[in-house]
Protein backbone atom coordinates (compact mmCIF):
# COMPACT_ATOMS: atom_id res chain seq x y z
CA MET A 1 104.13 107.32 98.10
CA ASN A 2 104.07 107.88 101.84
CA THR A 3 101.83 105.51 103.79
CA ILE A 4 101.12 104.74 107.44
CA PHE A 5 100.36 101.09 106.70
CA GLN A 6 102.94 98.37 106.97
CA PHE A 7 102.84 94.95 105.37
CA PRO A 8 102.89 92.55 106.98
CA PRO A 9 101.13 94.34 109.82
CA ILE A 10 102.93 94.40 113.17
CA LEU A 11 101.16 95.60 116.29
CA GLU A 12 103.32 96.57 119.23
CA ASN A 13 103.62 98.67 122.35
CA GLU A 14 106.07 98.75 125.25
CA ARG A 15 104.89 95.33 126.52
CA ILE A 16 104.16 93.17 123.49
CA LYS A 17 104.78 92.74 119.77
CA LEU A 18 102.31 90.84 117.58
CA LYS A 19 103.25 89.86 114.06
CA PRO A 20 101.93 87.32 111.55
CA LEU A 21 102.94 83.71 112.02
CA GLU A 22 105.71 82.48 109.72
CA LEU A 23 107.58 79.21 109.34
CA LYS A 24 110.68 80.86 110.83
CA HIS A 25 108.84 80.93 114.20
CA ILE A 26 108.72 77.13 114.51
CA ASP A 27 111.83 76.78 116.66
CA ASP A 28 110.54 79.45 119.05
CA LEU A 29 107.15 77.71 119.37
CA LEU A 30 108.31 74.09 119.49
CA GLU A 31 108.85 73.71 123.25
CA ILE A 32 105.32 74.92 124.04
CA ALA A 33 103.73 73.18 121.05
CA LEU A 34 105.00 69.80 122.25
CA LEU A 35 103.10 70.01 125.55
CA PRO A 36 100.46 67.23 125.33
CA GLU A 37 97.90 69.16 127.41
CA LEU A 38 97.80 71.82 124.69
CA TRP A 39 96.27 69.36 122.23
CA THR A 40 93.68 67.61 124.44
CA VAL A 41 90.79 69.72 123.13
CA GLY A 42 91.49 69.82 119.40
CA VAL A 43 91.64 67.27 116.64
CA ARG A 44 95.38 67.64 116.07
CA ASN A 45 98.17 66.03 118.05
CA ILE A 46 101.55 67.72 117.63
CA THR A 47 104.34 65.38 118.74
CA SER A 48 107.31 66.52 116.63
CA LYS A 49 108.86 69.45 114.82
CA ASP A 50 107.64 67.95 111.54
CA ASP A 51 104.04 67.87 112.87
CA LEU A 52 104.31 71.52 113.91
CA THR A 53 105.77 72.51 110.54
CA LYS A 54 102.87 70.86 108.71
CA TYR A 55 100.33 72.42 111.08
CA ILE A 56 101.72 75.95 110.64
CA SER A 57 102.18 75.52 106.87
CA THR A 58 98.50 74.60 106.56
CA ALA A 59 97.45 77.49 108.79
CA ILE A 60 99.30 80.18 106.87
CA THR A 61 98.40 79.10 103.35
């Protein structure tokens, strides 16, 4: 069967590539996720890799 749809969906052009969040992205996100100013508005406070792993695991399940 020939289909134009891809799973998981990935949207991209010459400037950007968007794909679904996965646990394998944690190391790439960690430096930014540990910035305290990122968490001043929400109810979460990410201060470690373990915190980020739990946060992403909850988000994707």
